[in-house]
Full PDB file with SEQRES, HELIX, SHEET, SSBOND, CRYST1, ORIGX, SCALE, CONECT and MASTER records, all heavy atoms in Angstrom:
SEQRES   1 A   41  SER GLY GLY GLY LEU VAL GLN ALA GLY ASP SER LEU ARG          
SEQRES   2 A   41  LEU SER CYS LEU VAL SER GLY PRO ILE ASP SER THR SER          
SEQRES   3 A   41  VAL MET ALA TRP PHE HIS ARG ALA PRO GLY LYS ASP ARG          
SEQRES   4 A   41  GLU PHE                                                      
SHEET    1 AA1 2 HIS A  32  ARG A  33  0                                        
SHEET    2 AA1 2 ARG A  39  GLU A  40 -1                                        
CRYST1    1.000    1.000    1.000  90.00  90.00  90.00 P 1           1          
ORIGX1      1.000000  0.000000  0.000000        0.00000                         
ORIGX2      0.000000  1.000000  0.000000        0.00000                         
ORIGX3      0.000000  0.000000  1.000000        0.00000                         
SCALE1      1.000000  0.000000  0.000000        0.00000                         
SCALE2      0.000000  1.000000  0.000000        0.00000                         
SCALE3      0.000000  0.000000  1.000000        0.00000                         
ATOM      1  N   SER A   1    -114.060 167.493  91.210  1.00  0.00           N  
ATOM      2  CA  SER A   1    -113.525 167.386  92.554  1.00  0.00           C  
ATOM      3  C   SER A   1    -112.727 166.093  92.666  1.00  0.00           C  
ATOM      4  O   SER A   1    -112.833 165.217  91.817  1.00  0.00           O  
ATOM      5  CB  SER A   1    -114.635 167.419  93.607  1.00  0.00           C  
ATOM      6  OG  SER A   1    -115.516 166.322  93.444  1.00  0.00           O  
ATOM      7  N   GLY A   2    -111.927 165.984  93.713  1.00  0.00           N  
ATOM      8  CA  GLY A   2    -111.210 164.758  93.989  1.00  0.00           C  
ATOM      9  C   GLY A   2    -109.716 164.798  93.758  1.00  0.00           C  
ATOM     10  O   GLY A   2    -109.015 163.839  94.096  1.00  0.00           O  
ATOM     11  N   GLY A   3    -109.204 165.880  93.188  1.00  0.00           N  
ATOM     12  CA  GLY A   3    -107.779 165.980  92.960  1.00  0.00           C  
ATOM     13  C   GLY A   3    -107.010 166.141  94.252  1.00  0.00           C  
ATOM     14  O   GLY A   3    -107.580 166.399  95.308  1.00  0.00           O  
ATOM     15  N   GLY A   4    -105.691 165.982  94.155  1.00  0.00           N  
ATOM     16  CA  GLY A   4    -104.863 166.123  95.333  1.00  0.00           C  
ATOM     17  C   GLY A   4    -103.424 165.757  95.063  1.00  0.00           C  
ATOM     18  O   GLY A   4    -103.020 165.536  93.919  1.00  0.00           O  
ATOM     19  N   LEU A   5    -102.658 165.696  96.133  1.00  0.00           N  
ATOM     20  CA  LEU A   5    -101.244 165.348  96.084  1.00  0.00           C  
ATOM     21  C   LEU A   5    -101.080 163.899  96.515  1.00  0.00           C  
ATOM     22  O   LEU A   5    -101.478 163.532  97.625  1.00  0.00           O  
ATOM     23  CB  LEU A   5    -100.449 166.278  96.998  1.00  0.00           C  
ATOM     24  CG  LEU A   5     -98.961 166.001  97.153  1.00  0.00           C  
ATOM     25  CD1 LEU A   5     -98.246 166.157  95.821  1.00  0.00           C  
ATOM     26  CD2 LEU A   5     -98.365 166.941  98.191  1.00  0.00           C  
ATOM     27  N   VAL A   6    -100.492 163.085  95.640  1.00  0.00           N  
ATOM     28  CA  VAL A   6    -100.331 161.661  95.916  1.00  0.00           C  
ATOM     29  C   VAL A   6     -98.944 161.201  95.500  1.00  0.00           C  
ATOM     30  O   VAL A   6     -98.228 161.898  94.782  1.00  0.00           O  
ATOM     31  CB  VAL A   6    -101.386 160.808  95.182  1.00  0.00           C  
ATOM     32  CG1 VAL A   6    -102.793 161.177  95.636  1.00  0.00           C  
ATOM     33  CG2 VAL A   6    -101.251 160.981  93.673  1.00  0.00           C  
ATOM     34  N   GLN A   7     -98.595 160.009  95.947  1.00  0.00           N  
ATOM     35  CA  GLN A   7     -97.341 159.390  95.543  1.00  0.00           C  
ATOM     36  C   GLN A   7     -97.550 158.494  94.334  1.00  0.00           C  
ATOM     37  O   GLN A   7     -98.646 157.989  94.099  1.00  0.00           O  
ATOM     38  CB  GLN A   7     -96.764 158.553  96.686  1.00  0.00           C  
ATOM     39  CG  GLN A   7     -96.081 159.339  97.775  1.00  0.00           C  
ATOM     40  CD  GLN A   7     -95.353 158.438  98.750  1.00  0.00           C  
ATOM     41  OE1 GLN A   7     -95.974 157.777  99.568  1.00  0.00           O  
ATOM     42  NE2 GLN A   7     -94.037 158.389  98.628  1.00  0.00           N  
ATOM     43  N   ALA A   8     -96.495 158.298  93.564  1.00  0.00           N  
ATOM     44  CA  ALA A   8     -96.550 157.371  92.442  1.00  0.00           C  
ATOM     45  C   ALA A   8     -97.016 156.005  92.927  1.00  0.00           C  
ATOM     46  O   ALA A   8     -96.573 155.520  93.967  1.00  0.00           O  
ATOM     47  CB  ALA A   8     -95.190 157.266  91.775  1.00  0.00           C  
ATOM     48  N   GLY A   9     -97.928 155.406  92.162  1.00  0.00           N  
ATOM     49  CA  GLY A   9     -98.496 154.127  92.528  1.00  0.00           C  
ATOM     50  C   GLY A   9     -99.824 154.235  93.253  1.00  0.00           C  
ATOM     51  O   GLY A   9    -100.553 153.242  93.343  1.00  0.00           O  
ATOM     52  N   ASP A  10    -100.146 155.414  93.749  1.00  0.00           N  
ATOM     53  CA  ASP A  10    -101.412 155.627  94.444  1.00  0.00           C  
ATOM     54  C   ASP A  10    -102.576 155.693  93.462  1.00  0.00           C  
ATOM     55  O   ASP A  10    -102.390 155.740  92.243  1.00  0.00           O  
ATOM     56  CB  ASP A  10    -101.366 156.925  95.250  1.00  0.00           C  
ATOM     57  CG  ASP A  10    -100.562 156.808  96.518  1.00  0.00           C  
ATOM     58  OD1 ASP A  10    -100.101 155.698  96.842  1.00  0.00           O  
ATOM     59  OD2 ASP A  10    -100.387 157.835  97.201  1.00  0.00           O  
ATOM     60  N   SER A  11    -103.774 155.722  94.012  1.00  0.00           N  
ATOM     61  CA  SER A  11    -104.991 155.848  93.227  1.00  0.00           C  
ATOM     62  C   SER A  11    -105.774 157.073  93.647  1.00  0.00           C  
ATOM     63  O   SER A  11    -105.702 157.513  94.799  1.00  0.00           O  
ATOM     64  CB  SER A  11    -105.871 154.604  93.392  1.00  0.00           C  
ATOM     65  OG  SER A  11    -105.243 153.447  92.891  1.00  0.00           O  
ATOM     66  N   LEU A  12    -106.523 157.623  92.707  1.00  0.00           N  
ATOM     67  CA  LEU A  12    -107.434 158.729  92.961  1.00  0.00           C  
ATOM     68  C   LEU A  12    -108.708 158.514  92.166  1.00  0.00           C  
ATOM     69  O   LEU A  12    -108.670 157.920  91.086  1.00  0.00           O  
ATOM     70  CB  LEU A  12    -106.829 160.069  92.553  1.00  0.00           C  
ATOM     71  CG  LEU A  12    -105.918 160.808  93.515  1.00  0.00           C  
ATOM     72  CD1 LEU A  12    -105.413 162.083  92.847  1.00  0.00           C  
ATOM     73  CD2 LEU A  12    -106.635 161.143  94.808  1.00  0.00           C  
ATOM     74  N   ARG A  13    -109.796 159.016  92.705  1.00  0.00           N  
ATOM     75  CA  ARG A  13    -111.061 158.976  91.997  1.00  0.00           C  
ATOM     76  C   ARG A  13    -111.585 160.401  91.870  1.00  0.00           C  
ATOM     77  O   ARG A  13    -111.902 161.040  92.872  1.00  0.00           O  
ATOM     78  CB  ARG A  13    -112.080 158.099  92.721  1.00  0.00           C  
ATOM     79  CG  ARG A  13    -113.362 157.851  91.922  1.00  0.00           C  
ATOM     80  CD  ARG A  13    -114.266 156.863  92.640  1.00  0.00           C  
ATOM     81  NE  ARG A  13    -115.481 156.563  91.888  1.00  0.00           N  
ATOM     82  CZ  ARG A  13    -115.577 155.631  90.952  1.00  0.00           C  
ATOM     83  NH1 ARG A  13    -114.527 154.872  90.656  1.00  0.00           N  
ATOM     84  NH2 ARG A  13    -116.720 155.434  90.319  1.00  0.00           N  
ATOM     85  N   LEU A  14    -111.661 160.868  90.644  1.00  0.00           N  
ATOM     86  CA  LEU A  14    -112.176 162.194  90.365  1.00  0.00           C  
ATOM     87  C   LEU A  14    -113.664 162.116  90.070  1.00  0.00           C  
ATOM     88  O   LEU A  14    -114.147 161.117  89.532  1.00  0.00           O  
ATOM     89  CB  LEU A  14    -111.462 162.828  89.172  1.00  0.00           C  
ATOM     90  CG  LEU A  14    -109.939 162.868  89.225  1.00  0.00           C  
ATOM     91  CD1 LEU A  14    -109.400 163.563  87.986  1.00  0.00           C  
ATOM     92  CD2 LEU A  14    -109.466 163.561  90.496  1.00  0.00           C  
ATOM     93  N   SER A  15    -114.375 163.178  90.409  1.00  0.00           N  
ATOM     94  CA  SER A  15    -115.801 163.228  90.173  1.00  0.00           C  
ATOM     95  C   SER A  15    -116.175 164.525  89.475  1.00  0.00           C  
ATOM     96  O   SER A  15    -115.604 165.580  89.759  1.00  0.00           O  
ATOM     97  CB  SER A  15    -116.565 163.105  91.496  1.00  0.00           C  
ATOM     98  OG  SER A  15    -117.963 163.120  91.289  1.00  0.00           O  
ATOM     99  N   CYS A  16    -117.120 164.445  88.565  1.00  0.00           N  
ATOM    100  CA  CYS A  16    -117.652 165.600  87.860  1.00  0.00           C  
ATOM    101  C   CYS A  16    -119.145 165.672  88.124  1.00  0.00           C  
ATOM    102  O   CYS A  16    -119.890 164.759  87.744  1.00  0.00           O  
ATOM    103  CB  CYS A  16    -117.375 165.484  86.361  1.00  0.00           C  
ATOM    104  SG  CYS A  16    -118.131 166.778  85.346  1.00  0.00           S  
ATOM    105  N   LEU A  17    -119.561 166.738  88.777  1.00  0.00           N  
ATOM    106  CA  LEU A  17    -120.972 166.943  89.051  1.00  0.00           C  
ATOM    107  C   LEU A  17    -121.592 167.742  87.915  1.00  0.00           C  
ATOM    108  O   LEU A  17    -121.115 168.831  87.576  1.00  0.00           O  
ATOM    109  CB  LEU A  17    -121.159 167.674  90.377  1.00  0.00           C  
ATOM    110  CG  LEU A  17    -122.599 167.966  90.800  1.00  0.00           C  
ATOM    111  CD1 LEU A  17    -123.375 166.676  91.002  1.00  0.00           C  
ATOM    112  CD2 LEU A  17    -122.622 168.804  92.072  1.00  0.00           C  
ATOM    113  N   VAL A  18    -122.648 167.197  87.328  1.00  0.00           N  
ATOM    114  CA  VAL A  18    -123.291 167.796  86.165  1.00  0.00           C  
ATOM    115  C   VAL A  18    -124.614 168.420  86.577  1.00  0.00           C  
ATOM    116  O   VAL A  18    -125.453 167.770  87.193  1.00  0.00           O  
ATOM    117  CB  VAL A  18    -123.544 166.741  85.074  1.00  0.00           C  
ATOM    118  CG1 VAL A  18    -124.139 167.388  83.831  1.00  0.00           C  
ATOM    119  CG2 VAL A  18    -122.258 166.003  84.733  1.00  0.00           C  
ATOM    120  N   SER A  19    -124.803 169.674  86.226  1.00  0.00           N  
ATOM    121  CA  SER A  19    -126.066 170.348  86.478  1.00  0.00           C  
ATOM    122  C   SER A  19    -126.534 171.042  85.205  1.00  0.00           C  
ATOM    123  O   SER A  19    -125.756 171.266  84.285  1.00  0.00           O  
ATOM    124  CB  SER A  19    -125.939 171.354  87.622  1.00  0.00           C  
ATOM    125  OG  SER A  19    -124.993 172.366  87.317  1.00  0.00           O  
ATOM    126  N   GLY A  20    -127.809 171.363  85.165  1.00  0.00           N  
ATOM    127  CA  GLY A  20    -128.372 172.007  84.000  1.00  0.00           C  
ATOM    128  C   GLY A  20    -128.964 171.001  83.031  1.00  0.00           C  
ATOM    129  O   GLY A  20    -129.074 169.813  83.326  1.00  0.00           O  
ATOM    130  N   PRO A  21    -129.336 171.469  81.834  1.00  0.00           N  
ATOM    131  CA  PRO A  21    -130.077 170.644  80.867  1.00  0.00           C  
ATOM    132  C   PRO A  21    -129.184 169.690  80.079  1.00  0.00           C  
ATOM    133  O   PRO A  21    -129.007 169.835  78.865  1.00  0.00           O  
ATOM    134  CB  PRO A  21    -130.727 171.678  79.958  1.00  0.00           C  
ATOM    135  CG  PRO A  21    -129.770 172.823  79.966  1.00  0.00           C  
ATOM    136  CD  PRO A  21    -129.218 172.863  81.367  1.00  0.00           C  
ATOM    137  N   ILE A  22    -128.625 168.700  80.742  1.00  0.00           N  
ATOM    138  CA  ILE A  22    -127.812 167.695  80.062  1.00  0.00           C  
ATOM    139  C   ILE A  22    -128.734 166.797  79.243  1.00  0.00           C  
ATOM    140  O   ILE A  22    -129.808 166.384  79.697  1.00  0.00           O  
ATOM    141  CB  ILE A  22    -126.984 166.874  81.071  1.00  0.00           C  
ATOM    142  CG1 ILE A  22    -126.015 165.950  80.343  1.00  0.00           C  
ATOM    143  CG2 ILE A  22    -127.884 166.097  82.020  1.00  0.00           C  
ATOM    144  CD1 ILE A  22    -124.876 166.678  79.679  1.00  0.00           C  
ATOM    145  N   ASP A  23    -128.311 166.491  78.041  1.00  0.00           N  
ATOM    146  CA  ASP A  23    -129.108 165.698  77.118  1.00  0.00           C  
ATOM    147  C   ASP A  23    -128.608 164.263  77.086  1.00  0.00           C  
ATOM    148  O   ASP A  23    -127.413 164.000  77.257  1.00  0.00           O  
ATOM    149  CB  ASP A  23    -129.051 166.311  75.717  1.00  0.00           C  
ATOM    150  CG  ASP A  23    -130.089 165.739  74.776  1.00  0.00           C  
ATOM    151  OD1 ASP A  23    -129.784 164.740  74.097  1.00  0.00           O  
ATOM    152  OD2 ASP A  23    -131.201 166.290  74.713  1.00  0.00           O  
ATOM    153  N   SER A  24    -129.515 163.333  76.842  1.00  0.00           N  
ATOM    154  CA  SER A  24    -129.143 161.927  76.795  1.00  0.00           C  
ATOM    155  C   SER A  24    -128.190 161.600  75.658  1.00  0.00           C  
ATOM    156  O   SER A  24    -127.498 160.580  75.704  1.00  0.00           O  
ATOM    157  CB  SER A  24    -130.395 161.045  76.687  1.00  0.00           C  
ATOM    158  OG  SER A  24    -131.096 161.309  75.486  1.00  0.00           O  
ATOM    159  N   THR A  25    -128.143 162.441  74.643  1.00  0.00           N  
ATOM    160  CA  THR A  25    -127.244 162.228  73.512  1.00  0.00           C  
ATOM    161  C   THR A  25    -125.849 162.800  73.756  1.00  0.00           C  
ATOM    162  O   THR A  25    -124.962 162.632  72.925  1.00  0.00           O  
ATOM    163  CB  THR A  25    -127.815 162.848  72.236  1.00  0.00           C  
ATOM    164  OG1 THR A  25    -127.968 164.261  72.409  1.00  0.00           O  
ATOM    165  CG2 THR A  25    -129.172 162.237  71.907  1.00  0.00           C  
ATOM    166  N   SER A  26    -125.638 163.445  74.879  1.00  0.00           N  
ATOM    167  CA  SER A  26    -124.356 164.081  75.165  1.00  0.00           C  
ATOM    168  C   SER A  26    -123.267 163.056  75.453  1.00  0.00           C  
ATOM    169  O   SER A  26    -123.529 161.953  75.917  1.00  0.00           O  
ATOM    170  CB  SER A  26    -124.491 165.030  76.355  1.00  0.00           C  
ATOM    171  OG  SER A  26    -125.356 166.107  76.056  1.00  0.00           O  
ATOM    172  N   VAL A  27    -122.046 163.475  75.171  1.00  0.00           N  
ATOM    173  CA  VAL A  27    -120.861 162.707  75.532  1.00  0.00           C  
ATOM    174  C   VAL A  27    -120.110 163.478  76.610  1.00  0.00           C  
ATOM    175  O   VAL A  27    -119.855 164.675  76.466  1.00  0.00           O  
ATOM    176  CB  VAL A  27    -119.949 162.471  74.321  1.00  0.00           C  
ATOM    177  CG1 VAL A  27    -118.653 161.788  74.750  1.00  0.00           C  
ATOM    178  CG2 VAL A  27    -120.667 161.631  73.278  1.00  0.00           C  
ATOM    179  N   MET A  28    -119.763 162.791  77.685  1.00  0.00           N  
ATOM    180  CA  MET A  28    -118.992 163.374  78.762  1.00  0.00           C  
ATOM    181  C   MET A  28    -117.577 162.834  78.694  1.00  0.00           C  
ATOM    182  O   MET A  28    -117.365 161.658  78.377  1.00  0.00           O  
ATOM    183  CB  MET A  28    -119.608 163.038  80.117  1.00  0.00           C  
ATOM    184  CG  MET A  28    -121.085 163.380  80.238  1.00  0.00           C  
ATOM    185  SD  MET A  28    -121.401 165.157  80.077  1.00  0.00           S  
ATOM    186  CE  MET A  28    -120.432 165.783  81.456  1.00  0.00           C  
ATOM    187  N   ALA A  29    -116.610 163.678  79.014  1.00  0.00           N  
ATOM    188  CA  ALA A  29    -115.223 163.260  78.876  1.00  0.00           C  
ATOM    189  C   ALA A  29    -114.340 163.855  79.956  1.00  0.00           C  
ATOM    190  O   ALA A  29    -114.698 164.835  80.615  1.00  0.00           O  
ATOM    191  CB  ALA A  29    -114.683 163.653  77.497  1.00  0.00           C  
ATOM    192  N   TRP A  30    -113.179 163.240  80.116  1.00  0.00           N  
ATOM    193  CA  TRP A  30    -112.112 163.764  80.950  1.00  0.00           C  
ATOM    194  C   TRP A  30    -110.904 164.069  80.066  1.00  0.00           C  
ATOM    195  O   TRP A  30    -110.529 163.269  79.202  1.00  0.00           O  
ATOM    196  CB  TRP A  30    -111.702 162.767  82.032  1.00  0.00           C  
ATOM    197  CG  TRP A  30    -112.699 162.626  83.137  1.00  0.00           C  
ATOM    198  CD1 TRP A  30    -113.674 161.694  83.249  1.00  0.00           C  
ATOM    199  CD2 TRP A  30    -112.803 163.462  84.296  1.00  0.00           C  
ATOM    200  NE1 TRP A  30    -114.393 161.886  84.403  1.00  0.00           N  
ATOM    201  CE2 TRP A  30    -113.875 162.974  85.068  1.00  0.00           C  
ATOM    202  CE3 TRP A  30    -112.096 164.580  84.752  1.00  0.00           C  
ATOM    203  CZ2 TRP A  30    -114.252 163.557  86.277  1.00  0.00           C  
ATOM    204  CZ3 TRP A  30    -112.479 165.160  85.951  1.00  0.00           C  
ATOM    205  CH2 TRP A  30    -113.542 164.648  86.694  1.00  0.00           C  
ATOM    206  N   PHE A  31    -110.309 165.235  80.309  1.00  0.00           N  
ATOM    207  CA  PHE A  31    -109.096 165.648  79.623  1.00  0.00           C  
ATOM    208  C   PHE A  31    -108.018 165.944  80.648  1.00  0.00           C  
ATOM    209  O   PHE A  31    -108.301 166.339  81.778  1.00  0.00           O  
ATOM    210  CB  PHE A  31    -109.340 166.894  78.769  1.00  0.00           C  
ATOM    211  CG  PHE A  31    -109.977 166.614  77.442  1.00  0.00           C  
ATOM    212  CD1 PHE A  31    -111.327 166.318  77.351  1.00  0.00           C  
ATOM    213  CD2 PHE A  31    -109.231 166.646  76.276  1.00  0.00           C  
ATOM    214  CE1 PHE A  31    -111.921 166.060  76.130  1.00  0.00           C  
ATOM    215  CE2 PHE A  31    -109.810 166.400  75.045  1.00  0.00           C  
ATOM    216  CZ  PHE A  31    -111.150 166.103  74.967  1.00  0.00           C  
ATOM    217  N   HIS A  32    -106.782 165.769  80.237  1.00  0.00           N  
ATOM    218  CA  HIS A  32    -105.626 166.038  81.081  1.00  0.00           C  
ATOM    219  C   HIS A  32    -104.750 167.096  80.425  1.00  0.00           C  
ATOM    220  O   HIS A  32    -104.448 166.994  79.235  1.00  0.00           O  
ATOM    221  CB  HIS A  32    -104.818 164.755  81.288  1.00  0.00           C  
ATOM    222  CG  HIS A  32    -103.490 164.961  81.935  1.00  0.00           C  
ATOM    223  ND1 HIS A  32    -102.309 164.516  81.378  1.00  0.00           N  
ATOM    224  CD2 HIS A  32    -103.151 165.559  83.109  1.00  0.00           C  
ATOM    225  CE1 HIS A  32    -101.309 164.822  82.170  1.00  0.00           C  
ATOM    226  NE2 HIS A  32    -101.792 165.456  83.232  1.00  0.00           N  
ATOM    227  N   ARG A  33    -104.364 168.096  81.209  1.00  0.00           N  
ATOM    228  CA  ARG A  33    -103.437 169.111  80.723  1.00  0.00           C  
ATOM    229  C   ARG A  33    -102.191 169.106  81.584  1.00  0.00           C  
ATOM    230  O   ARG A  33    -102.223 169.543  82.733  1.00  0.00           O  
ATOM    231  CB  ARG A  33    -104.074 170.499  80.716  1.00  0.00           C  
ATOM    232  CG  ARG A  33    -103.179 171.551  80.054  1.00  0.00           C  
ATOM    233  CD  ARG A  33    -103.868 172.891  79.957  1.00  0.00           C  
ATOM    234  NE  ARG A  33    -104.058 173.498  81.256  1.00  0.00           N  
ATOM    235  CZ  ARG A  33    -104.789 174.585  81.476  1.00  0.00           C  
ATOM    236  NH1 ARG A  33    -105.408 175.169  80.457  1.00  0.00           N  
ATOM    237  NH2 ARG A  33    -104.904 175.063  82.700  1.00  0.00           N  
ATOM    238  N   ALA A  34    -101.125 168.581  81.014  1.00  0.00           N  
ATOM    239  CA  ALA A  34     -99.832 168.617  81.687  1.00  0.00           C  
ATOM    240  C   ALA A  34     -99.241 170.012  81.548  1.00  0.00           C  
ATOM    241  O   ALA A  34     -99.571 170.743  80.613  1.00  0.00           O  
ATOM    242  CB  ALA A  34     -98.894 167.577  81.085  1.00  0.00           C  
ATOM    243  N   PRO A  35     -98.368 170.401  82.458  1.00  0.00           N  
ATOM    244  CA  PRO A  35     -97.761 171.733  82.373  1.00  0.00           C  
ATOM    245  C   PRO A  35     -97.095 171.973  81.025  1.00  0.00           C  
ATOM    246  O   PRO A  35     -96.306 171.157  80.553  1.00  0.00           O  
ATOM    247  CB  PRO A  35     -96.734 171.713  83.503  1.00  0.00           C  
ATOM    248  CG  PRO A  35     -97.294 170.754  84.499  1.00  0.00           C  
ATOM    249  CD  PRO A  35     -97.943 169.680  83.664  1.00  0.00           C  
ATOM    250  N   GLY A  36     -97.444 173.083  80.385  1.00  0.00           N  
ATOM    251  CA  GLY A  36     -96.851 173.443  79.113  1.00  0.00           C  
ATOM    252  C   GLY A  36     -97.382 172.699  77.911  1.00  0.00           C  
ATOM    253  O   GLY A  36     -96.838 172.855  76.811  1.00  0.00           O  
ATOM    254  N   LYS A  37     -98.436 171.907  78.072  1.00  0.00           N  
ATOM    255  CA  LYS A  37     -98.975 171.128  76.971  1.00  0.00           C  
ATOM    256  C   LYS A  37    -100.463 171.395  76.788  1.00  0.00           C  
ATOM    257  O   LYS A  37    -101.119 171.973  77.650  1.00  0.00           O  
ATOM    258  CB  LYS A  37     -98.747 169.635  77.203  1.00  0.00           C  
ATOM    259  CG  LYS A  37     -97.295 169.252  77.429  1.00  0.00           C  
ATOM    260  CD  LYS A  37     -97.095 167.756  77.482  1.00  0.00           C  
ATOM    261  CE  LYS A  37     -97.250 167.124  76.117  1.00  0.00           C  
ATOM    262  NZ  LYS A  37     -96.915 165.666  76.130  1.00  0.00           N  
ATOM    263  N   ASP A  38    -100.977 170.971  75.642  1.00  0.00           N  
ATOM    264  CA  ASP A  38    -102.401 171.097  75.368  1.00  0.00           C  
ATOM    265  C   ASP A  38    -103.193 170.067  76.162  1.00  0.00           C  
ATOM    266  O   ASP A  38    -102.641 169.085  76.662  1.00  0.00           O  
ATOM    267  CB  ASP A  38    -102.683 170.912  73.881  1.00  0.00           C  
ATOM    268  CG  ASP A  38    -102.096 171.995  73.009  1.00  0.00           C  
ATOM    269  OD1 ASP A  38    -101.915 173.118  73.507  1.00  0.00           O  
ATOM    270  OD2 ASP A  38    -101.826 171.713  71.825  1.00  0.00           O  
ATOM    271  N   ARG A  39    -104.471 170.307  76.254  1.00  0.00           N  
ATOM    272  CA  ARG A  39    -105.346 169.319  76.860  1.00  0.00           C  
ATOM    273  C   ARG A  39    -105.347 168.042  76.025  1.00  0.00           C  
ATOM    274  O   ARG A  39    -105.448 168.098  74.802  1.00  0.00           O  
ATOM    275  CB  ARG A  39    -106.764 169.866  76.983  1.00  0.00           C  
ATOM    276  CG  ARG A  39    -106.934 170.933  78.042  1.00  0.00           C  
ATOM    277  CD  ARG A  39    -108.289 171.575  77.950  1.00  0.00           C  
ATOM    278  NE  ARG A  39    -108.507 172.540  79.024  1.00  0.00           N  
ATOM    279  CZ  ARG A  39    -109.535 173.363  79.081  1.00  0.00           C  
ATOM    280  NH1 ARG A  39    -110.453 173.351  78.121  1.00  0.00           N  
ATOM    281  NH2 ARG A  39    -109.653 174.205  80.094  1.00  0.00           N  
ATOM    282  N   GLU A  40    -105.262 166.907  76.698  1.00  0.00           N  
ATOM    283  CA  GLU A  40    -105.187 165.610  76.049  1.00  0.00           C  
ATOM    284  C   GLU A  40    -106.371 164.752  76.460  1.00  0.00           C  
ATOM    285  O   GLU A  40    -106.710 164.671  77.644  1.00  0.00           O  
ATOM    286  CB  GLU A  40    -103.875 164.912  76.422  1.00  0.00           C  
ATOM    287  CG  GLU A  40    -103.716 163.523  75.841  1.00  0.00           C  
ATOM    288  CD  GLU A  40    -102.471 162.833  76.351  1.00  0.00           C  
ATOM    289  OE1 GLU A  40    -102.139 163.021  77.548  1.00  0.00           O  
ATOM    290  OE2 GLU A  40    -101.819 162.123  75.571  1.00  0.00           O  
ATOM    291  N   PHE A  41    -106.974 164.100  75.492  1.00  0.00           N  
ATOM    292  CA  PHE A  41    -108.112 163.233  75.757  1.00  0.00           C  
ATOM    293  C   PHE A  41    -107.722 162.075  76.654  1.00  0.00           C  
ATOM    294  O   PHE A  41    -106.702 161.419  76.436  1.00  0.00           O  
ATOM    295  CB  PHE A  41    -108.671 162.696  74.434  1.00  0.00           C  
ATOM    296  CG  PHE A  41    -109.768 161.689  74.605  1.00  0.00           C  
ATOM    297  CD1 PHE A  41    -111.055 162.082  74.930  1.00  0.00           C  
ATOM    298  CD2 PHE A  41    -109.516 160.335  74.434  1.00  0.00           C  
ATOM    299  CE1 PHE A  41    -112.070 161.169  75.083  1.00  0.00           C  
ATOM    300  CE2 PHE A  41    -110.523 159.404  74.583  1.00  0.00           C  
ATOM    301  CZ  PHE A  41    -111.806 159.819  74.911  1.00  0.00           C  
TER     302      PHE A  41                                                      
MASTER        0    0    0    0    2    0    0    6  301    1    0    4          
END                                                                             
């Protein structure tokens, strides 16, 4: 959650709510997919 329409120079804070059996050894990440491109770390 947290996405939206903003102007260049603005800030946004995205949030990921995790449910289920998440393990302490897990790695959580954010990826970005620009139009026409693969997901990028």
